[in-house]
C-alpha atoms as a PDB file:
ATOM      1  CA  MET A   1      14.867 -10.811 -15.858  1.00  0.00           C
ATOM      2  CA  ASN A   2      13.865  -7.566 -14.149  1.00  0.00           C
ATOM      3  CA  ARG A   3      16.700  -6.248 -11.940  1.00  0.00           C
ATOM      4  CA  LEU A   4      14.420  -5.999  -8.876  1.00  0.00           C
ATOM      5  CA  LYS A   5      13.047  -9.506  -9.348  1.00  0.00           C
ATOM      6  CA  GLU A   6      16.617 -10.796  -9.630  1.00  0.00           C
ATOM      7  CA  LYS A   7      17.611  -8.927  -6.470  1.00  0.00           C
ATOM      8  CA  TYR A   8      14.611 -10.397  -4.653  1.00  0.00           C
ATOM      9  CA  LYS A   9      15.627 -13.948  -5.592  1.00  0.00           C
ATOM     10  CA  LYS A  10      19.346 -13.523  -4.886  1.00  0.00           C
ATOM     11  CA  GLU A  11      19.350 -11.254  -1.812  1.00  0.00           C
ATOM     12  CA  ILE A  12      15.966 -10.304  -0.382  1.00  0.00           C
ATOM     13  CA  ILE A  13      14.558 -13.812   0.182  1.00  0.00           C
ATOM     14  CA  LYS A  14      17.562 -14.708   2.318  1.00  0.00           C
ATOM     15  CA  LYS A  15      17.358 -11.447   4.261  1.00  0.00           C
ATOM     16  CA  LEU A  16      13.604 -11.621   4.946  1.00  0.00           C
ATOM     17  CA  LYS A  17      13.787 -15.306   5.814  1.00  0.00           C
ATOM     18  CA  LYS A  18      16.205 -14.474   8.620  1.00  0.00           C
ATOM     19  CA  GLU A  19      14.515 -11.258   9.820  1.00  0.00           C
ATOM     20  CA  LEU A  20      10.977 -12.691   9.803  1.00  0.00           C
ATOM     21  CA  GLY A  21      12.008 -16.092  11.151  1.00  0.00           C
ATOM     22  CA  LYS A  22      10.602 -18.070   8.225  1.00  0.00           C
ATOM     23  CA  SER A  23      11.365 -21.781   7.964  1.00  0.00           C
ATOM     24  CA  ASN A  24      11.658 -21.943   4.171  1.00  0.00           C
ATOM     25  CA  ASP A  25      11.948 -19.703   1.103  1.00  0.00           C
ATOM     26  CA  PHE A  26       8.325 -20.219   0.056  1.00  0.00           C
ATOM     27  CA  ALA A  27       7.098 -18.743   3.351  1.00  0.00           C
ATOM     28  CA  VAL A  28       8.900 -15.446   2.667  1.00  0.00           C
ATOM     29  CA  PRO A  29       6.456 -12.694   1.575  1.00  0.00           C
ATOM     30  CA  ASN A  30       6.493 -11.759  -2.101  1.00  0.00           C
ATOM     31  CA  LEU A  31       4.651  -9.564  -4.587  1.00  0.00           C
ATOM     32  CA  LYS A  32       1.557 -11.355  -5.908  1.00  0.00           C
ATOM     33  CA  LYS A  33      -0.031  -8.840  -8.282  1.00  0.00           C
ATOM     34  CA  ILE A  34      -0.538  -5.117  -8.832  1.00  0.00           C
ATOM     35  CA  VAL A  35      -3.997  -3.806  -9.673  1.00  0.00           C
ATOM     36  CA  ILE A  36      -4.385  -0.313 -11.163  1.00  0.00           C
ATOM     37  CA  ASN A  37      -7.869   1.209 -11.045  1.00  0.00           C
ATOM     38  CA  VAL A  38      -9.216   4.386 -12.633  1.00  0.00           C
ATOM     39  CA  GLY A  39     -12.645   5.784 -11.757  1.00  0.00           C
ATOM     40  CA  LEU A  40     -14.335   7.719 -14.571  1.00  0.00           C
ATOM     41  CA  GLY A  41     -17.630   9.102 -13.339  1.00  0.00           C
ATOM     42  CA  GLU A  42     -17.186  11.857 -15.919  1.00  0.00           C
ATOM     43  CA  VAL A  43     -18.283   9.466 -18.694  1.00  0.00           C
ATOM     44  CA  ILE A  44     -21.835  10.621 -17.994  1.00  0.00           C
ATOM     45  CA  ASN A  45     -20.951  13.990 -19.542  1.00  0.00           C
ATOM     46  CA  ASN A  46     -17.889  12.969 -21.551  1.00  0.00           C
ATOM     47  CA  SER A  47     -18.357   9.765 -23.531  1.00  0.00           C
ATOM     48  CA  GLN A  48     -14.790   9.930 -24.906  1.00  0.00           C
ATOM     49  CA  ALA A  49     -13.185   9.792 -21.442  1.00  0.00           C
ATOM     50  CA  LEU A  50     -13.248   5.984 -21.288  1.00  0.00           C
ATOM     51  CA  GLU A  51     -11.564   5.539 -24.651  1.00  0.00           C
ATOM     52  CA  THR A  52      -8.906   8.203 -24.077  1.00  0.00           C
ATOM     53  CA  MET A  53      -7.952   7.031 -20.597  1.00  0.00           C
ATOM     54  CA  SER A  54      -7.972   3.427 -21.760  1.00  0.00           C
ATOM     55  CA  GLU A  55      -5.249   4.298 -24.281  1.00  0.00           C
ATOM     56  CA  ASP A  56      -3.255   6.176 -21.641  1.00  0.00           C
ATOM     57  CA  LEU A  57      -3.514   3.295 -19.174  1.00  0.00           C
ATOM     58  CA  LYS A  58      -2.480   0.812 -21.862  1.00  0.00           C
ATOM     59  CA  THR A  59       0.557   2.994 -22.590  1.00  0.00           C
ATOM     60  CA  ILE A  60       1.453   3.178 -18.888  1.00  0.00           C
ATOM     61  CA  THR A  61       1.064  -0.535 -18.098  1.00  0.00           C
ATOM     62  CA  ALA A  62       1.774  -2.164 -21.496  1.00  0.00           C
ATOM     63  CA  GLN A  63      -1.474  -4.081 -21.043  1.00  0.00           C
ATOM     64  CA  LYS A  64      -5.012  -3.528 -22.306  1.00  0.00           C
ATOM     65  CA  PRO A  65      -7.329  -2.386 -19.471  1.00  0.00           C
ATOM     66  CA  LEU A  66     -10.627  -4.033 -18.597  1.00  0.00           C
ATOM     67  CA  VAL A  67     -13.702  -1.821 -18.450  1.00  0.00           C
ATOM     68  CA  THR A  68     -15.462  -1.856 -15.067  1.00  0.00           C
ATOM     69  CA  LYS A  69     -19.190  -1.298 -14.626  1.00  0.00           C
ATOM     70  CA  ALA A  70     -21.258   0.297 -11.884  1.00  0.00           C
ATOM     71  CA  ARG A  71     -22.843  -2.283  -9.579  1.00  0.00           C
ATOM     72  CA  LYS A  72     -25.400   0.021  -8.018  1.00  0.00           C
ATOM     73  CA  ALA A  73     -27.406   3.013  -9.117  1.00  0.00           C
ATOM     74  CA  ILE A  74     -26.450   6.425  -7.718  1.00  0.00           C
ATOM     75  CA  SER A  75     -29.327   8.747  -8.609  1.00  0.00           C
ATOM     76  CA  ASN A  76     -27.529  11.945  -7.543  1.00  0.00           C
ATOM     77  CA  PHE A  77     -24.866  11.316 -10.197  1.00  0.00           C
ATOM     78  CA  ASP A  78     -27.119   9.740 -12.856  1.00  0.00           C
ATOM     79  CA  ILE A  79     -25.261   6.453 -12.507  1.00  0.00           C
ATOM     80  CA  ARG A  80     -27.221   3.297 -13.280  1.00  0.00           C
ATOM     81  CA  PRO A  81     -26.224  -0.376 -12.769  1.00  0.00           C
ATOM     82  CA  GLY A  82     -24.111  -1.685 -15.628  1.00  0.00           C
ATOM     83  CA  LEU A  83     -22.845   1.728 -16.718  1.00  0.00           C
ATOM     84  CA  GLU A  84     -19.217   1.554 -17.897  1.00  0.00           C
ATOM     85  CA  ILE A  85     -17.576   3.807 -15.377  1.00  0.00           C
ATOM     86  CA  GLY A  86     -13.966   2.774 -14.875  1.00  0.00           C
ATOM     87  CA  LEU A  87     -10.872   0.872 -15.960  1.00  0.00           C
ATOM     88  CA  LYS A  88      -8.761  -1.821 -14.360  1.00  0.00           C
ATOM     89  CA  VAL A  89      -5.440  -3.471 -15.158  1.00  0.00           C
ATOM     90  CA  THR A  90      -4.085  -6.471 -13.249  1.00  0.00           C
ATOM     91  CA  LEU A  91      -0.341  -7.012 -13.600  1.00  0.00           C
ATOM     92  CA  ARG A  92       1.364 -10.283 -12.725  1.00  0.00           C
ATOM     93  CA  ARG A  93       4.809 -11.832 -13.083  1.00  0.00           C
ATOM     94  CA  ASP A  94       7.323  -9.811 -15.192  1.00  0.00           C
ATOM     95  CA  ARG A  95       4.947  -6.937 -15.995  1.00  0.00           C
ATOM     96  CA  MET A  96       4.203  -6.589 -12.289  1.00  0.00           C
ATOM     97  CA  TRP A  97       7.918  -6.420 -11.429  1.00  0.00           C
ATOM     98  CA  ASP A  98       8.599  -3.948 -14.253  1.00  0.00           C
ATOM     99  CA  PHE A  99       5.783  -1.674 -13.109  1.00  0.00           C
ATOM    100  CA  PHE A 100       6.804  -1.799  -9.431  1.00  0.00           C
ATOM    101  CA  ASP A 101      10.430  -1.066 -10.333  1.00  0.00           C
ATOM    102  CA  LYS A 102       9.346   1.910 -12.453  1.00  0.00           C
ATOM    103  CA  LEU A 103       6.984   3.101  -9.707  1.00  0.00           C
ATOM    104  CA  ILE A 104       9.612   3.319  -6.954  1.00  0.00           C
ATOM    105  CA  SER A 105      12.582   4.449  -9.040  1.00  0.00           C
ATOM    106  CA  ILE A 106      11.005   6.844 -11.561  1.00  0.00           C
ATOM    107  CA  ILE A 107       7.342   7.690 -10.915  1.00  0.00           C
ATOM    108  CA  LEU A 108       7.236   8.535  -7.207  1.00  0.00           C
ATOM    109  CA  PRO A 109      10.375  10.736  -7.301  1.00  0.00           C
ATOM    110  CA  ARG A 110       8.749  12.732 -10.143  1.00  0.00           C
ATOM    111  CA  ILE A 111       5.797  13.742  -7.959  1.00  0.00           C
ATOM    112  CA  LYS A 112       5.973  17.396  -6.928  1.00  0.00           C
ATOM    113  CA  ASP A 113       7.070  17.948  -3.291  1.00  0.00           C
ATOM    114  CA  PHE A 114       7.306  14.186  -2.759  1.00  0.00           C
ATOM    115  CA  ARG A 115       8.273  13.297   0.811  1.00  0.00           C
ATOM    116  CA  GLY A 116       7.618   9.595   0.837  1.00  0.00           C
ATOM    117  CA  VAL A 117       4.505   7.425   0.921  1.00  0.00           C
ATOM    118  CA  SER A 118       2.446   6.698   4.006  1.00  0.00           C
ATOM    119  CA  ARG A 119       3.119   3.634   6.145  1.00  0.00           C
ATOM    120  CA  SER A 120      -0.512   3.464   7.227  1.00  0.00           C
ATOM    121  CA  ALA A 121      -2.071   2.533   3.860  1.00  0.00           C
ATOM    122  CA  PHE A 122      -2.041  -1.228   4.480  1.00  0.00           C
ATOM    123  CA  ASP A 123      -5.322  -3.145   4.623  1.00  0.00           C
ATOM    124  CA  GLY A 124      -4.605  -5.423   7.600  1.00  0.00           C
ATOM    125  CA  PHE A 125      -3.554  -8.329   5.363  1.00  0.00           C
ATOM    126  CA  GLY A 126      -0.218  -7.035   4.086  1.00  0.00           C
ATOM    127  CA  ASN A 127      -1.574  -5.351   0.940  1.00  0.00           C
ATOM    128  CA  TYR A 128      -0.820  -1.704   0.162  1.00  0.00           C
ATOM    129  CA  SER A 129      -2.870   1.014  -1.591  1.00  0.00           C
ATOM    130  CA  LEU A 130      -1.382   4.091  -3.195  1.00  0.00           C
ATOM    131  CA  GLY A 131      -3.166   6.962  -4.904  1.00  0.00           C
ATOM    132  CA  ILE A 132      -1.508   8.886  -7.742  1.00  0.00           C
ATOM    133  CA  LYS A 133      -3.338  12.145  -8.437  1.00  0.00           C
ATOM    134  CA  ASP A 134      -1.672  13.028 -11.731  1.00  0.00           C
ATOM    135  CA  HIS A 135      -1.145  10.323 -14.352  1.00  0.00           C
ATOM    136  CA  THR A 136       1.221  12.573 -16.310  1.00  0.00           C
ATOM    137  CA  VAL A 137       3.992  11.677 -13.833  1.00  0.00           C
ATOM    138  CA  PHE A 138       4.403   8.569 -15.966  1.00  0.00           C
ATOM    139  CA  PRO A 139       7.062   9.426 -18.563  1.00  0.00           C
ATOM    140  CA  GLU A 140       5.098   7.603 -21.289  1.00  0.00           C
ATOM    141  CA  ILE A 141       2.371  10.260 -21.094  1.00  0.00           C
ATOM    142  CA  ASP A 142       2.894  13.568 -22.906  1.00  0.00           C
ATOM    143  CA  PRO A 143       1.090  16.306 -20.884  1.00  0.00           C
ATOM    144  CA  ASN A 144       0.640  18.321 -24.089  1.00  0.00           C
ATOM    145  CA  LYS A 145      -1.372  15.558 -25.730  1.00  0.00           C
ATOM    146  CA  ILE A 146      -3.939  14.771 -23.058  1.00  0.00           C
ATOM    147  CA  GLU A 147      -7.360  16.324 -22.574  1.00  0.00           C
ATOM    148  CA  LYS A 148      -7.400  16.044 -18.785  1.00  0.00           C
ATOM    149  CA  ILE A 149      -5.226  14.998 -15.841  1.00  0.00           C
ATOM    150  CA  ARG A 150      -6.663  11.932 -14.111  1.00  0.00           C
ATOM    151  CA  SER A 151      -5.853   9.944 -10.984  1.00  0.00           C
ATOM    152  CA  LEU A 152      -4.950   6.284 -10.511  1.00  0.00           C
ATOM    153  CA  GLN A 153      -5.319   3.903  -7.594  1.00  0.00           C
ATOM    154  CA  VAL A 154      -2.466   1.399  -7.335  1.00  0.00           C
ATOM    155  CA  ASN A 155      -3.102  -1.676  -5.172  1.00  0.00           C
ATOM    156  CA  ILE A 156      -0.040  -3.789  -4.385  1.00  0.00           C
ATOM    157  CA  VAL A 157      -1.121  -7.287  -3.368  1.00  0.00           C
ATOM    158  CA  THR A 158       1.446  -9.395  -1.497  1.00  0.00           C
ATOM    159  CA  THR A 159       1.642 -12.873   0.006  1.00  0.00           C
ATOM    160  CA  ALA A 160       2.460 -11.377   3.424  1.00  0.00           C
ATOM    161  CA  GLU A 161       0.507 -12.723   6.402  1.00  0.00           C
ATOM    162  CA  ASN A 162       0.050  -9.284   7.983  1.00  0.00           C
ATOM    163  CA  ASP A 163       0.876  -5.582   7.625  1.00  0.00           C
ATOM    164  CA  LYS A 164       4.179  -5.925   9.470  1.00  0.00           C
ATOM    165  CA  GLU A 165       5.442  -8.431   6.909  1.00  0.00           C
ATOM    166  CA  GLY A 166       3.983  -6.401   4.036  1.00  0.00           C
ATOM    167  CA  LEU A 167       5.756  -3.265   5.254  1.00  0.00           C
ATOM    168  CA  LYS A 168       9.056  -5.106   5.632  1.00  0.00           C
ATOM    169  CA  LEU A 169       8.768  -6.576   2.135  1.00  0.00           C
ATOM    170  CA  LEU A 170       8.067  -3.220   0.476  1.00  0.00           C
ATOM    171  CA  GLU A 171      10.806  -1.524   2.507  1.00  0.00           C
ATOM    172  CA  VAL A 172      13.526  -3.925   1.374  1.00  0.00           C
ATOM    173  CA  LEU A 173      12.252  -3.714  -2.211  1.00  0.00           C
ATOM    174  CA  GLY A 174      12.825   0.048  -2.064  1.00  0.00           C
ATOM    175  CA  MET A 175       9.422   1.629  -1.450  1.00  0.00           C
ATOM    176  CA  PRO A 176      10.208   5.197  -0.288  1.00  0.00           C
ATOM    177  CA  PHE A 177       8.166   5.410   2.901  1.00  0.00           C
ATOM    178  CA  SER A 178       7.779   8.736   4.670  1.00  0.00           C
ATOM    179  CA  LYS A 179      10.302   9.472   7.427  1.00  0.00           C
ATOM    180  CA  GLU A 180       7.652  11.604   9.116  1.00  0.00           C
ATOM    181  CA  ASP A 181       5.430   8.535   9.354  1.00  0.00           C
ATOM    182  CA  GLU A 182       8.368   6.621  10.784  1.00  0.00           C
ATOM    183  CA  ALA A 183       8.839   9.296  13.446  1.00  0.00           C
ATOM    184  CA  LYS A 184       5.127   9.194  14.293  1.00  0.00           C
ATOM    185  CA  LEU A 185       5.222   5.420  14.614  1.00  0.00           C
ATOM    186  CA  PHE A 186       8.265   5.712  16.891  1.00  0.00           C
ATOM    187  CA  GLU A 187       6.432   8.235  19.064  1.00  0.00           C
ATOM    188  CA  LYS A 188       3.394   5.947  19.227  1.00  0.00           C
ATOM    189  CA  MET A 189       5.631   3.066  20.312  1.00  0.00           C
ATOM    190  CA  LYS A 190       7.205   5.257  23.011  1.00  0.00           C
ATOM    191  CA  ASP A 191       3.782   6.354  24.270  1.00  0.00           C
ATOM    192  CA  SER A 192       2.601   2.759  24.271  1.00  0.00           C
ATOM    193  CA  MET A 193       5.653   1.668  26.272  1.00  0.00           C
ATOM    194  CA  LYS A 194       5.106   4.483  28.767  1.00  0.00           C
ATOM    195  CA  LYS A 195       1.482   3.424  29.251  1.00  0.00           C
ATOM    196  CA  GLU A 196       2.539  -0.198  29.747  1.00  0.00           C
ATOM    197  CA  LYS A 197       5.124   0.860  32.349  1.00  0.00           C
ATOM    198  CA  LYS A 198       2.485   2.899  34.196  1.00  0.00           C
ATOM    199  CA  GLU A 199       0.069  -0.032  34.133  1.00  0.00           C
ATOM    200  CA  LEU A 200       2.753  -2.391  35.446  1.00  0.00           C
ATOM    201  CA  ALA A 201       3.729   0.062  38.188  1.00  0.00           C
ATOM    202  CA  LYS A 202       0.057   0.425  39.155  1.00  0.00           C
ATOM    203  CA  MET A 203      -0.430  -3.360  39.281  1.00  0.00           C
ATOM    204  CA  LYS A 204       2.741  -3.751  41.355  1.00  0.00           C
ATOM    205  CA  ALA A 205       1.587  -1.079  43.801  1.00  0.00           C
ATOM    206  CA  GLU A 206      -1.825  -2.729  44.119  1.00  0.00           C
ATOM    207  CA  ARG A 207      -0.257  -6.125  44.802  1.00  0.00           C
ATOM    208  CA  MET A 208       2.061  -4.638  47.422  1.00  0.00           C
ATOM    209  CA  SER A 209      -0.904  -2.922  49.051  1.00  0.00           C
ATOM    210  CA  GLU A 210      -2.845  -6.187  49.090  1.00  0.00           C
ATOM    211  CA  GLY A 211       0.168  -7.982  50.560  1.00  0.00           C
ATOM    212  CA  LYS A 212       0.469  -5.427  53.355  1.00  0.00           C
ATOM    213  CA  GLY A 213      -3.220  -5.812  54.123  1.00  0.00           C
ATOM    214  CA  ILE A 214      -2.844  -9.584  54.485  1.00  0.00           C
ATOM    215  CA  GLU A 215       0.188  -9.177  56.795  1.00  0.00           C
ATOM    216  CA  THR A 216      -1.732  -6.644  58.952  1.00  0.00           C
ATOM    217  CA  ARG A 217      -4.673  -9.061  59.364  1.00  0.00           C
ATOM    218  CA  ARG A 218      -2.324 -11.894  60.337  1.00  0.00           C
ATOM    219  CA  THR A 219      -0.639  -9.707  62.984  1.00  0.00           C
ATOM    220  CA  ASN A 220      -3.983  -8.758  64.477  1.00  0.00           C
END
C-alpha cells in the first residue's frame, strides 16, 4: 500500500473527522481521481507531437493516455472538429495515490524557484487545478532525449463538499501551499473583520440615534 494512502487511513481520517465535524469516516473528504491533460495544438504543424508526448505521458503516469479531439472548429488556428489535439490520463486508486505522493514529495520541489502552490486554484467544489510548465521535472523524463518541453494540467478531484474542505484535505496530505497566499488570505480576513466591525458600529449608532429620537418625541 502507498505510504500516503496508509497514512490517510490510519491518521488523516481521524484528524479530519474531528476538525471538520464529520459524523462518520465515509463523510471525510478523500481523493477521488487525478486527471492529467496535455494540449497539443502544435499537431497541425508537427504530426509526431501526439505520438512523442503520448509516450512521455505514459512514462510519467504508468498508464496509456487517451487521445482527445477538438469539439469545435477554430479557423484562426486551422483546427477542425474531430482533430486529435490532446492527451488525457485519468488515475484512480493506487496509481492516483502513487502519482499524488510523487507530485508533492519529488516533482514540485524540483521546480525552479518553487515557493509553493496557490491556494486560490480551487473550482468551488473542492477540486484543485495545477499547471506544470515543464514536463521534464518528472525524473522519468530525460531532458536530453525529448524534442520539446511541454506543459501539463493536473486536476485533483476530491470528494470534498466545498473548497474549504478540499484545502484542508490537501494540506494534511502534504500539498506545499504558498505561505504568501496564506498571508494574503490572513490579510483579507483581517480586512473583512474590520469592515464587519465598522458595519456593526454604524448599525449600533443608527439604532441609538433612532432611540434618542423616540425618547425626544415622547418628552414633547
